[in-house]
Amino acid sequence: MHMIFFYLTGVILRWPVPIGTTINAQSCKKVLQDKLRRDIRKKPPGLLESGILFHHDNAPVHTARAVTDVSAGYKWELLEHPRYSPDLAPCYF
């Protein structure tokens, strides 16, 4: 399994989740703090300073307080995900 974060022009972070790792609020928070923020700084230049619009599905791990506190602390704007929309179905890879 991978956690993938992308931008208009491509992938920012593709993190292979180690076998046996449970994706919970704490592990998601750690990826946001330790990996995603670092990689946002690398590409594209100035993205972090221009403001981040962060969109995810409504999975409980993504809406957990520990995770939303990280994005709020970084002043990333969370875009609301509709409860259901066939036009916004999960990415299929």
PDB file of N, CA and C in Angstrom:
ATOM      1  N   MET A   1       0.848  -1.164   0.000  1.00  0.00           N
ATOM      2  CA  MET A   1       0.000   0.000   0.000  1.00  0.00           C
ATOM      3  C   MET A   1       0.901   1.237   0.000  1.00  0.00           C
ATOM      4  N   HIS A   2       0.406   2.312  -0.591  1.00  0.00           N
ATOM      5  CA  HIS A   2       1.123   3.579  -0.639  1.00  0.00           C
ATOM      6  C   HIS A   2       0.209   4.710  -0.169  1.00  0.00           C
ATOM      7  N   MET A   3       0.809   5.712   0.424  1.00  0.00           N
ATOM      8  CA  MET A   3       0.120   6.977   0.659  1.00  0.00           C
ATOM      9  C   MET A   3       0.655   7.907  -0.418  1.00  0.00           C
ATOM     10  N   ILE A   4      -0.248   8.508  -1.189  1.00  0.00           N
ATOM     11  CA  ILE A   4       0.159   9.343  -2.312  1.00  0.00           C
ATOM     12  C   ILE A   4      -0.458  10.729  -2.159  1.00  0.00           C
ATOM     13  N   PHE A   5       0.386  11.732  -2.294  1.00  0.00           N
ATOM     14  CA  PHE A   5      -0.040  13.129  -2.231  1.00  0.00           C
ATOM     15  C   PHE A   5       0.383  13.771  -3.537  1.00  0.00           C
ATOM     16  N   PHE A   6      -0.558  14.431  -4.197  1.00  0.00           N
ATOM     17  CA  PHE A   6      -0.202  15.016  -5.481  1.00  0.00           C
ATOM     18  C   PHE A   6      -0.705  16.438  -5.614  1.00  0.00           C
ATOM     19  N   TYR A   7      -0.152  17.098  -6.598  1.00  0.00           N
ATOM     20  CA  TYR A   7      -0.400  18.495  -6.917  1.00  0.00           C
ATOM     21  C   TYR A   7      -0.850  18.538  -8.370  1.00  0.00           C
ATOM     22  N   LEU A   8      -1.248  19.679  -8.840  1.00  0.00           N
ATOM     23  CA  LEU A   8      -1.710  19.809 -10.225  1.00  0.00           C
ATOM     24  C   LEU A   8      -0.732  19.244 -11.244  1.00  0.00           C
ATOM     25  N   THR A   9       0.538  19.415 -10.994  1.00  0.00           N
ATOM     26  CA  THR A   9       1.542  19.020 -11.980  1.00  0.00           C
ATOM     27  C   THR A   9       2.173  17.665 -11.716  1.00  0.00           C
ATOM     28  N   GLY A  10       1.759  16.970 -10.678  1.00  0.00           N
ATOM     29  CA  GLY A  10       2.319  15.642 -10.439  1.00  0.00           C
ATOM     30  C   GLY A  10       2.365  15.270  -8.975  1.00  0.00           C
ATOM     31  N   VAL A  11       3.038  14.181  -8.719  1.00  0.00           N
ATOM     32  CA  VAL A  11       3.130  13.614  -7.374  1.00  0.00           C
ATOM     33  C   VAL A  11       4.112  14.425  -6.532  1.00  0.00           C
ATOM     34  N   ILE A  12       3.708  14.734  -5.309  1.00  0.00           N
ATOM     35  CA  ILE A  12       4.601  15.389  -4.351  1.00  0.00           C
ATOM     36  C   ILE A  12       5.271  14.331  -3.487  1.00  0.00           C
ATOM     37  N   LEU A  13       4.483  13.374  -3.000  1.00  0.00           N
ATOM     38  CA  LEU A  13       5.026  12.330  -2.133  1.00  0.00           C
ATOM     39  C   LEU A  13       4.318  11.019  -2.429  1.00  0.00           C
ATOM     40  N   ARG A  14       5.106   9.981  -2.636  1.00  0.00           N
ATOM     41  CA  ARG A  14       4.592   8.613  -2.730  1.00  0.00           C
ATOM     42  C   ARG A  14       5.341   7.835  -1.664  1.00  0.00           C
ATOM     43  N   TRP A  15       4.625   7.489  -0.599  1.00  0.00           N
ATOM     44  CA  TRP A  15       5.257   6.823   0.531  1.00  0.00           C
ATOM     45  C   TRP A  15       4.747   5.394   0.628  1.00  0.00           C
ATOM     46  N   PRO A  16       5.639   4.406   0.433  1.00  0.00           N
ATOM     47  CA  PRO A  16       5.222   3.016   0.589  1.00  0.00           C
ATOM     48  C   PRO A  16       5.040   2.709   2.080  1.00  0.00           C
ATOM     49  N   VAL A  17       3.853   2.310   2.443  1.00  0.00           N
ATOM     50  CA  VAL A  17       3.561   1.980   3.834  1.00  0.00           C
ATOM     51  C   VAL A  17       4.240   0.649   4.148  1.00  0.00           C
ATOM     52  N   PRO A  18       5.109   0.618   5.155  1.00  0.00           N
ATOM     53  CA  PRO A  18       5.785  -0.633   5.486  1.00  0.00           C
ATOM     54  C   PRO A  18       4.782  -1.737   5.830  1.00  0.00           C
ATOM     55  N   ILE A  19       5.096  -2.943   5.402  1.00  0.00           N
ATOM     56  CA  ILE A  19       4.237  -4.096   5.688  1.00  0.00           C
ATOM     57  C   ILE A  19       4.056  -4.210   7.199  1.00  0.00           C
ATOM     58  N   GLY A  20       2.827  -4.418   7.613  1.00  0.00           N
ATOM     59  CA  GLY A  20       2.510  -4.555   9.028  1.00  0.00           C
ATOM     60  C   GLY A  20       2.186  -3.237   9.721  1.00  0.00           C
ATOM     61  N   THR A  21       2.328  -2.127   9.013  1.00  0.00           N
ATOM     62  CA  THR A  21       2.019  -0.818   9.591  1.00  0.00           C
ATOM     63  C   THR A  21       0.521  -0.563   9.520  1.00  0.00           C
ATOM     64  N   THR A  22      -0.047  -0.145  10.617  1.00  0.00           N
ATOM     65  CA  THR A  22      -1.451   0.228  10.657  1.00  0.00           C
ATOM     66  C   THR A  22      -1.557   1.723  10.398  1.00  0.00           C
ATOM     67  N   ILE A  23      -2.394   2.082   9.446  1.00  0.00           N
ATOM     68  CA  ILE A  23      -2.614   3.504   9.184  1.00  0.00           C
ATOM     69  C   ILE A  23      -3.703   3.982  10.136  1.00  0.00           C
ATOM     70  N   ASN A  24      -3.273   4.710  11.147  1.00  0.00           N
ATOM     71  CA  ASN A  24      -4.198   5.301  12.108  1.00  0.00           C
ATOM     72  C   ASN A  24      -3.890   6.795  12.190  1.00  0.00           C
ATOM     73  N   ALA A  25      -4.549   7.486  13.071  1.00  0.00           N
ATOM     74  CA  ALA A  25      -4.367   8.936  13.153  1.00  0.00           C
ATOM     75  C   ALA A  25      -2.918   9.303  13.455  1.00  0.00           C
ATOM     76  N   GLN A  26      -2.272   8.558  14.330  1.00  0.00           N
ATOM     77  CA  GLN A  26      -0.894   8.894  14.700  1.00  0.00           C
ATOM     78  C   GLN A  26       0.079   8.664  13.550  1.00  0.00           C
ATOM     79  N   SER A  27      -0.088   7.571  12.811  1.00  0.00           N
ATOM     80  CA  SER A  27       0.819   7.326  11.682  1.00  0.00           C
ATOM     81  C   SER A  27       0.562   8.319  10.553  1.00  0.00           C
ATOM     82  N   CYS A  28      -0.684   8.684  10.334  1.00  0.00           N
ATOM     83  CA  CYS A  28      -1.014   9.682   9.315  1.00  0.00           C
ATOM     84  C   CYS A  28      -0.433  11.043   9.707  1.00  0.00           C
ATOM     85  N   LYS A  29      -0.558  11.401  10.966  1.00  0.00           N
ATOM     86  CA  LYS A  29      -0.001  12.657  11.474  1.00  0.00           C
ATOM     87  C   LYS A  29       1.508  12.694  11.261  1.00  0.00           C
ATOM     88  N   LYS A  30       2.167  11.583  11.527  1.00  0.00           N
ATOM     89  CA  LYS A  30       3.622  11.505  11.372  1.00  0.00           C
ATOM     90  C   LYS A  30       4.036  11.697   9.914  1.00  0.00           C
ATOM     91  N   VAL A  31       3.285  11.108   8.981  1.00  0.00           N
ATOM     92  CA  VAL A  31       3.592  11.280   7.558  1.00  0.00           C
ATOM     93  C   VAL A  31       3.428  12.745   7.160  1.00  0.00           C
ATOM     94  N   LEU A  32       2.359  13.384   7.621  1.00  0.00           N
ATOM     95  CA  LEU A  32       2.144  14.801   7.297  1.00  0.00           C
ATOM     96  C   LEU A  32       3.275  15.673   7.837  1.00  0.00           C
ATOM     97  N   GLN A  33       3.684  15.408   9.069  1.00  0.00           N
ATOM     98  CA  GLN A  33       4.706  16.238   9.705  1.00  0.00           C
ATOM     99  C   GLN A  33       6.112  15.942   9.185  1.00  0.00           C
ATOM    100  N   ASP A  34       6.456  14.665   9.083  1.00  0.00           N
ATOM    101  CA  ASP A  34       7.840  14.282   8.790  1.00  0.00           C
ATOM    102  C   ASP A  34       8.153  14.140   7.310  1.00  0.00           C
ATOM    103  N   LYS A  35       7.163  13.816   6.504  1.00  0.00           N
ATOM    104  CA  LYS A  35       7.440  13.527   5.098  1.00  0.00           C
ATOM    105  C   LYS A  35       6.797  14.530   4.141  1.00  0.00           C
ATOM    106  N   LEU A  36       5.500  14.738   4.266  1.00  0.00           N
ATOM    107  CA  LEU A  36       4.807  15.585   3.297  1.00  0.00           C
ATOM    108  C   LEU A  36       5.287  17.029   3.358  1.00  0.00           C
ATOM    109  N   ARG A  37       5.369  17.596   4.529  1.00  0.00           N
ATOM    110  CA  ARG A  37       5.796  18.999   4.641  1.00  0.00           C
ATOM    111  C   ARG A  37       7.191  19.185   4.055  1.00  0.00           C
ATOM    112  N   ARG A  38       8.094  18.242   4.324  1.00  0.00           N
ATOM    113  CA  ARG A  38       9.455  18.313   3.773  1.00  0.00           C
ATOM    114  C   ARG A  38       9.429  18.269   2.246  1.00  0.00           C
ATOM    115  N   ASP A  39       8.622  17.366   1.690  1.00  0.00           N
ATOM    116  CA  ASP A  39       8.583  17.213   0.234  1.00  0.00           C
ATOM    117  C   ASP A  39       7.856  18.365  -0.457  1.00  0.00           C
ATOM    118  N   ILE A  40       6.901  18.981   0.225  1.00  0.00           N
ATOM    119  CA  ILE A  40       6.239  20.163  -0.343  1.00  0.00           C
ATOM    120  C   ILE A  40       7.264  21.280  -0.528  1.00  0.00           C
ATOM    121  N   ARG A  41       8.213  21.370   0.390  1.00  0.00           N
ATOM    122  CA  ARG A  41       9.248  22.410   0.290  1.00  0.00           C
ATOM    123  C   ARG A  41      10.111  22.224  -0.964  1.00  0.00           C
ATOM    124  N   LYS A  42      10.235  20.989  -1.425  1.00  0.00           N
ATOM    125  CA  LYS A  42      11.110  20.684  -2.561  1.00  0.00           C
ATOM    126  C   LYS A  42      10.483  21.002  -3.911  1.00  0.00           C
ATOM    127  N   LYS A  43       9.174  20.824  -4.036  1.00  0.00           N
ATOM    128  CA  LYS A  43       8.548  21.017  -5.348  1.00  0.00           C
ATOM    129  C   LYS A  43       7.099  21.393  -5.212  1.00  0.00           C
ATOM    130  N   PRO A  44       6.587  22.176  -6.075  1.00  0.00           N
ATOM    131  CA  PRO A  44       7.298  23.172  -6.873  1.00  0.00           C
ATOM    132  C   PRO A  44       7.759  24.304  -5.978  1.00  0.00           C
ATOM    133  N   PRO A  45       8.788  25.038  -6.375  1.00  0.00           N
ATOM    134  CA  PRO A  45       9.311  26.109  -5.527  1.00  0.00           C
ATOM    135  C   PRO A  45       8.221  27.121  -5.147  1.00  0.00           C
ATOM    136  N   GLY A  46       8.191  27.480  -3.871  1.00  0.00           N
ATOM    137  CA  GLY A  46       7.254  28.494  -3.401  1.00  0.00           C
ATOM    138  C   GLY A  46       5.860  27.985  -3.075  1.00  0.00           C
ATOM    139  N   LEU A  47       5.602  26.705  -3.299  1.00  0.00           N
ATOM    140  CA  LEU A  47       4.263  26.165  -3.051  1.00  0.00           C
ATOM    141  C   LEU A  47       3.856  26.326  -1.593  1.00  0.00           C
ATOM    142  N   LEU A  48       4.759  26.019  -0.688  1.00  0.00           N
ATOM    143  CA  LEU A  48       4.434  26.084   0.735  1.00  0.00           C
ATOM    144  C   LEU A  48       4.073  27.507   1.159  1.00  0.00           C
ATOM    145  N   GLU A  49       4.770  28.482   0.618  1.00  0.00           N
ATOM    146  CA  GLU A  49       4.520  29.875   0.979  1.00  0.00           C
ATOM    147  C   GLU A  49       3.238  30.416   0.352  1.00  0.00           C
ATOM    148  N   SER A  50       2.818  29.840  -0.771  1.00  0.00           N
ATOM    149  CA  SER A  50       1.631  30.354  -1.461  1.00  0.00           C
ATOM    150  C   SER A  50       0.328  29.847  -0.859  1.00  0.00           C
ATOM    151  N   GLY A  51       0.413  28.905   0.055  1.00  0.00           N
ATOM    152  CA  GLY A  51      -0.784  28.369   0.697  1.00  0.00           C
ATOM    153  C   GLY A  51      -1.145  27.005   0.145  1.00  0.00           C
ATOM    154  N   ILE A  52      -1.516  26.116   1.018  1.00  0.00           N
ATOM    155  CA  ILE A  52      -1.828  24.741   0.650  1.00  0.00           C
ATOM    156  C   ILE A  52      -3.333  24.528   0.768  1.00  0.00           C
ATOM    157  N   LEU A  53      -3.929  23.997  -0.278  1.00  0.00           N
ATOM    158  CA  LEU A  53      -5.313  23.521  -0.234  1.00  0.00           C
ATOM    159  C   LEU A  53      -5.222  22.013  -0.110  1.00  0.00           C
ATOM    160  N   PHE A  54      -5.760  21.473   0.964  1.00  0.00           N
ATOM    161  CA  PHE A  54      -5.602  20.055   1.276  1.00  0.00           C
ATOM    162  C   PHE A  54      -6.956  19.369   1.143  1.00  0.00           C
ATOM    163  N   HIS A  55      -7.012  18.336   0.331  1.00  0.00           N
ATOM    164  CA  HIS A  55      -8.261  17.611   0.106  1.00  0.00           C
ATOM    165  C   HIS A  55      -8.038  16.129   0.372  1.00  0.00           C
ATOM    166  N   HIS A  56      -8.942  15.532   1.095  1.00  0.00           N
ATOM    167  CA  HIS A  56      -8.892  14.092   1.350  1.00  0.00           C
ATOM    168  C   HIS A  56     -10.318  13.588   1.440  1.00  0.00           C
ATOM    169  N   ASP A  57     -10.455  12.269   1.456  1.00  0.00           N
ATOM    170  CA  ASP A  57     -11.800  11.726   1.633  1.00  0.00           C
ATOM    171  C   ASP A  57     -12.164  11.825   3.118  1.00  0.00           C
ATOM    172  N   ASN A  58     -13.332  11.396   3.461  1.00  0.00           N
ATOM    173  CA  ASN A  58     -13.794  11.525   4.840  1.00  0.00           C
ATOM    174  C   ASN A  58     -13.514  10.289   5.687  1.00  0.00           C
ATOM    175  N   ALA A  59     -12.462   9.568   5.368  1.00  0.00           N
ATOM    176  CA  ALA A  59     -12.094   8.404   6.176  1.00  0.00           C
ATOM    177  C   ALA A  59     -11.816   8.867   7.607  1.00  0.00           C
ATOM    178  N   PRO A  60     -12.198   8.072   8.592  1.00  0.00           N
ATOM    179  CA  PRO A  60     -12.002   8.481   9.985  1.00  0.00           C
ATOM    180  C   PRO A  60     -10.560   8.871  10.317  1.00  0.00           C
ATOM    181  N   VAL A  61      -9.593   8.183   9.739  1.00  0.00           N
ATOM    182  CA  VAL A  61      -8.194   8.527  10.018  1.00  0.00           C
ATOM    183  C   VAL A  61      -7.859   9.932   9.515  1.00  0.00           C
ATOM    184  N   HIS A  62      -8.472  10.359   8.422  1.00  0.00           N
ATOM    185  CA  HIS A  62      -8.197  11.685   7.866  1.00  0.00           C
ATOM    186  C   HIS A  62      -8.903  12.801   8.627  1.00  0.00           C
ATOM    187  N   THR A  63     -10.001  12.482   9.260  1.00  0.00           N
ATOM    188  CA  THR A  63     -10.769  13.502   9.984  1.00  0.00           C
ATOM    189  C   THR A  63     -10.505  13.481  11.486  1.00  0.00           C
ATOM    190  N   ALA A  64      -9.586  12.623  11.920  1.00  0.00           N
ATOM    191  CA  ALA A  64      -9.246  12.547  13.342  1.00  0.00           C
ATOM    192  C   ALA A  64      -8.622  13.862  13.801  1.00  0.00           C
ATOM    193  N   ARG A  65      -8.852  14.202  15.022  1.00  0.00           N
ATOM    194  CA  ARG A  65      -8.368  15.483  15.565  1.00  0.00           C
ATOM    195  C   ARG A  65      -6.856  15.629  15.431  1.00  0.00           C
ATOM    196  N   ALA A  66      -6.118  14.552  15.688  1.00  0.00           N
ATOM    197  CA  ALA A  66      -4.654  14.619  15.597  1.00  0.00           C
ATOM    198  C   ALA A  66      -4.206  15.032  14.200  1.00  0.00           C
ATOM    199  N   VAL A  67      -4.912  14.574  13.175  1.00  0.00           N
ATOM    200  CA  VAL A  67      -4.557  14.881  11.784  1.00  0.00           C
ATOM    201  C   VAL A  67      -5.015  16.288  11.412  1.00  0.00           C
ATOM    202  N   THR A  68      -6.235  16.639  11.767  1.00  0.00           N
ATOM    203  CA  THR A  68      -6.733  17.973  11.413  1.00  0.00           C
ATOM    204  C   THR A  68      -5.985  19.074  12.170  1.00  0.00           C
ATOM    205  N   ASP A  69      -5.493  18.766  13.369  1.00  0.00           N
ATOM    206  CA  ASP A  69      -4.693  19.743  14.110  1.00  0.00           C
ATOM    207  C   ASP A  69      -3.380  20.049  13.390  1.00  0.00           C
ATOM    208  N   VAL A  70      -2.791  19.036  12.749  1.00  0.00           N
ATOM    209  CA  VAL A  70      -1.546  19.251  12.001  1.00  0.00           C
ATOM    210  C   VAL A  70      -1.794  20.211  10.845  1.00  0.00           C
ATOM    211  N   SER A  71      -2.816  19.928  10.050  1.00  0.00           N
ATOM    212  CA  SER A  71      -3.086  20.798   8.898  1.00  0.00           C
ATOM    213  C   SER A  71      -3.477  22.206   9.350  1.00  0.00           C
ATOM    214  N   ALA A  72      -4.209  22.310  10.442  1.00  0.00           N
ATOM    215  CA  ALA A  72      -4.572  23.633  10.964  1.00  0.00           C
ATOM    216  C   ALA A  72      -3.331  24.374  11.465  1.00  0.00           C
ATOM    217  N   GLY A  73      -2.433  23.643  12.119  1.00  0.00           N
ATOM    218  CA  GLY A  73      -1.198  24.249  12.618  1.00  0.00           C
ATOM    219  C   GLY A  73      -0.318  24.781  11.501  1.00  0.00           C
ATOM    220  N   TYR A  74      -0.340  24.114  10.354  1.00  0.00           N
ATOM    221  CA  TYR A  74       0.437  24.560   9.192  1.00  0.00           C
ATOM    222  C   TYR A  74      -0.338  25.572   8.350  1.00  0.00           C
ATOM    223  N   LYS A  75      -1.555  25.869   8.758  1.00  0.00           N
ATOM    224  CA  LYS A  75      -2.436  26.801   8.035  1.00  0.00           C
ATOM    225  C   LYS A  75      -2.786  26.302   6.630  1.00  0.00           C
ATOM    226  N   TRP A  76      -2.899  24.964   6.507  1.00  0.00           N
ATOM    227  CA  TRP A  76      -3.363  24.378   5.256  1.00  0.00           C
ATOM    228  C   TRP A  76      -4.881  24.479   5.257  1.00  0.00           C
ATOM    229  N   GLU A  77      -5.449  24.933   4.165  1.00  0.00           N
ATOM    230  CA  GLU A  77      -6.899  25.042   4.058  1.00  0.00           C
ATOM    231  C   GLU A  77      -7.475  23.685   3.660  1.00  0.00           C
ATOM    232  N   LEU A  78      -8.375  23.159   4.486  1.00  0.00           N
ATOM    233  CA  LEU A  78      -9.014  21.879   4.184  1.00  0.00           C
ATOM    234  C   LEU A  78     -10.220  22.107   3.287  1.00  0.00           C
ATOM    235  N   LEU A  79     -10.245  21.420   2.178  1.00  0.00           N
ATOM    236  CA  LEU A  79     -11.391  21.475   1.277  1.00  0.00           C
ATOM    237  C   LEU A  79     -12.360  20.378   1.681  1.00  0.00           C
ATOM    238  N   GLU A  80     -13.611  20.729   1.849  1.00  0.00           N
ATOM    239  CA  GLU A  80     -14.597  19.732   2.256  1.00  0.00           C
ATOM    240  C   GLU A  80     -14.860  18.750   1.136  1.00  0.00           C
ATOM    241  N   HIS A  81     -15.019  17.509   1.513  1.00  0.00           N
ATOM    242  CA  HIS A  81     -15.335  16.447   0.573  1.00  0.00           C
ATOM    243  C   HIS A  81     -16.831  16.162   0.693  1.00  0.00           C
ATOM    244  N   PRO A  82     -17.554  16.131  -0.420  1.00  0.00           N
ATOM    245  CA  PRO A  82     -18.987  15.837  -0.323  1.00  0.00           C
ATOM    246  C   PRO A  82     -19.206  14.435   0.237  1.00  0.00           C
ATOM    247  N   ARG A  83     -20.333  14.245   0.879  1.00  0.00           N
ATOM    248  CA  ARG A  83     -20.625  12.928   1.458  1.00  0.00           C
ATOM    249  C   ARG A  83     -20.587  11.838   0.405  1.00  0.00           C
ATOM    250  N   TYR A  84     -21.121  12.102  -0.775  1.00  0.00           N
ATOM    251  CA  TYR A  84     -21.055  11.131  -1.866  1.00  0.00           C
ATOM    252  C   TYR A  84     -21.187  11.866  -3.183  1.00  0.00           C
ATOM    253  N   SER A  85     -20.327  11.544  -4.091  1.00  0.00           N
ATOM    254  CA  SER A  85     -20.417  12.112  -5.426  1.00  0.00           C
ATOM    255  C   SER A  85     -19.762  11.146  -6.404  1.00  0.00           C
ATOM    256  N   PRO A  86     -20.507  10.636  -7.367  1.00  0.00           N
ATOM    257  CA  PRO A  86     -19.883   9.736  -8.343  1.00  0.00           C
ATOM    258  C   PRO A  86     -18.806  10.440  -9.164  1.00  0.00           C
ATOM    259  N   ASP A  87     -18.847  11.765  -9.228  1.00  0.00           N
ATOM    260  CA  ASP A  87     -17.822  12.509  -9.959  1.00  0.00           C
ATOM    261  C   ASP A  87     -16.518  12.622  -9.180  1.00  0.00           C
ATOM    262  N   LEU A  88     -16.580  12.443  -7.876  1.00  0.00           N
ATOM    263  CA  LEU A  88     -15.388  12.541  -7.039  1.00  0.00           C
ATOM    264  C   LEU A  88     -15.072  11.202  -6.395  1.00  0.00           C
ATOM    265  N   ALA A  89     -15.199  10.144  -7.161  1.00  0.00           N
ATOM    266  CA  ALA A  89     -14.896   8.806  -6.660  1.00  0.00           C
ATOM    267  C   ALA A  89     -13.403   8.717  -6.351  1.00  0.00           C
ATOM    268  N   PRO A  90     -13.003   7.790  -5.474  1.00  0.00           N
ATOM    269  CA  PRO A  90     -11.581   7.641  -5.163  1.00  0.00           C
ATOM    270  C   PRO A  90     -10.757   7.378  -6.423  1.00  0.00           C
ATOM    271  N   CYS A  91      -9.505   7.756  -6.349  1.00  0.00           N
ATOM    272  CA  CYS A  91      -8.598   7.505  -7.477  1.00  0.00           C
ATOM    273  C   CYS A  91      -8.441   5.998  -7.684  1.00  0.00           C
ATOM    274  N   TYR A  92      -8.452   5.584  -8.908  1.00  0.00           N
ATOM    275  CA  TYR A  92      -8.216   4.181  -9.238  1.00  0.00           C
ATOM    276  C   TYR A  92      -6.892   4.086  -9.963  1.00  0.00           C
ATOM    277  N   PHE A  93      -5.950   3.344  -9.399  1.00  0.00           N
ATOM    278  CA  PHE A  93      -4.628   3.215 -10.002  1.00  0.00           C
ATOM    279  C   PHE A  93      -4.422   1.792 -10.457  1.00  0.00           C
TER     280      PHE A  93
END
